Amino acid sequence: MTKKTTELDNVKKATAIMFAALVKSLEDTAPGLKEGFVANLDTAYTKIREDSDDLNALETISWTRSMITGFDIVSGQTKPFFD
């Protein structure tokens, strides 16, 4: 079972923010990159969920996707993190 800690949540959040920042920066020079990246996140989420159900990995992927798109299941559509 995965043990939740504030420190671990902070690392996952920082990781998600760094990837969202990278995608935002790259999207400025390579339009369409964001959609491909989000599609790859969706594929990765599905594979991890089917193979191992690693909650830390799933949560980090989900947070990254949410920061990029502004959408999550709980809140619905909001602004992306960098908008």
Protein backbone atom coordinates (compact mmCIF):
# COMPACT_ATOMS: atom_id res chain seq x y z
CA MET A 1 0.00 0.00 0.00
CA THR A 2 1.21 3.50 -0.82
CA LYS A 3 1.88 5.77 2.13
CA LYS A 4 0.80 9.38 1.51
CA THR A 5 3.00 12.12 2.87
CA THR A 6 3.09 15.87 2.40
CA GLU A 7 6.65 15.61 1.10
CA LEU A 8 5.69 13.04 -1.52
CA ASP A 9 2.70 15.14 -2.60
CA ASN A 10 4.99 18.16 -2.95
CA VAL A 11 7.41 16.20 -5.15
CA LYS A 12 4.57 14.96 -7.35
CA LYS A 13 3.12 18.46 -7.62
CA ALA A 14 6.52 19.97 -8.50
CA THR A 15 7.09 17.27 -11.12
CA ALA A 16 3.68 17.95 -12.68
CA ILE A 17 4.37 21.70 -12.72
CA MET A 18 7.77 21.23 -14.38
CA PHE A 19 6.28 19.10 -17.16
CA ALA A 20 3.38 21.53 -17.63
CA ALA A 21 5.90 24.39 -17.90
CA LEU A 22 7.95 22.45 -20.44
CA VAL A 23 4.89 21.65 -22.55
CA LYS A 24 3.74 25.29 -22.37
CA SER A 25 7.17 26.50 -23.54
CA LEU A 26 7.43 23.94 -26.33
CA GLU A 27 3.86 24.60 -27.52
CA ASP A 28 4.93 28.19 -28.27
CA THR A 29 7.49 26.93 -30.81
CA ALA A 30 5.78 23.70 -31.90
CA PRO A 31 2.01 24.21 -32.14
CA GLY A 32 0.10 20.97 -31.63
CA LEU A 33 2.69 19.51 -29.28
CA LYS A 34 0.35 19.85 -26.31
CA GLU A 35 -2.33 17.62 -27.84
CA GLY A 36 0.21 14.92 -28.64
CA PHE A 37 1.70 15.13 -25.16
CA VAL A 38 -1.72 14.87 -23.50
CA ALA A 39 -2.56 11.88 -25.70
CA ASN A 40 0.68 10.22 -24.59
CA LEU A 41 -0.19 10.96 -20.94
CA ASP A 42 -3.56 9.27 -21.46
CA THR A 43 -1.86 6.22 -22.95
CA ALA A 44 0.66 6.08 -20.10
CA TYR A 45 -2.11 6.41 -17.50
CA THR A 46 -4.01 3.50 -19.05
CA LYS A 47 -0.90 1.29 -19.23
CA ILE A 48 0.12 1.97 -15.63
CA ARG A 49 -3.42 1.41 -14.40
CA GLU A 50 -3.63 -1.92 -16.23
CA ASP A 51 -0.12 -3.11 -15.34
CA SER A 52 0.52 -2.01 -11.77
CA ASP A 53 -2.06 0.46 -10.47
CA ASP A 54 0.82 2.57 -9.02
CA LEU A 55 -1.15 5.33 -7.33
CA ASN A 56 1.79 7.74 -7.14
CA ALA A 57 2.44 7.45 -10.87
CA LEU A 58 -1.25 7.71 -11.72
CA GLU A 59 -1.66 10.78 -9.55
CA THR A 60 1.40 12.52 -11.03
CA ILE A 61 0.19 11.85 -14.58
CA SER A 62 -3.30 13.04 -13.69
CA TRP A 63 -1.99 16.24 -12.05
CA THR A 64 0.24 16.94 -15.05
CA ARG A 65 -2.66 16.48 -17.46
CA SER A 66 -4.88 18.70 -15.35
CA MET A 67 -2.27 21.47 -15.17
CA ILE A 68 -1.84 21.39 -18.94
CA THR A 69 -5.52 21.16 -19.93
CA GLY A 70 -7.27 22.73 -16.95
CA PHE A 71 -9.63 19.73 -16.71
CA ASP A 72 -10.08 17.22 -13.94
CA ILE A 73 -12.96 14.96 -13.04
CA VAL A 74 -13.69 16.62 -9.69
CA SER A 75 -13.63 20.29 -10.77
CA GLY A 76 -14.51 19.94 -14.44
CA GLN A 77 -13.03 22.48 -16.83
CA THR A 78 -11.04 25.33 -15.29
CA LYS A 79 -8.08 27.38 -16.49
CA PRO A 80 -4.82 25.56 -17.23
CA PHE A 81 -2.10 26.22 -14.63
CA PHE A 82 -0.11 28.64 -16.83
CA ASP A 83 -3.07 30.62 -18.21
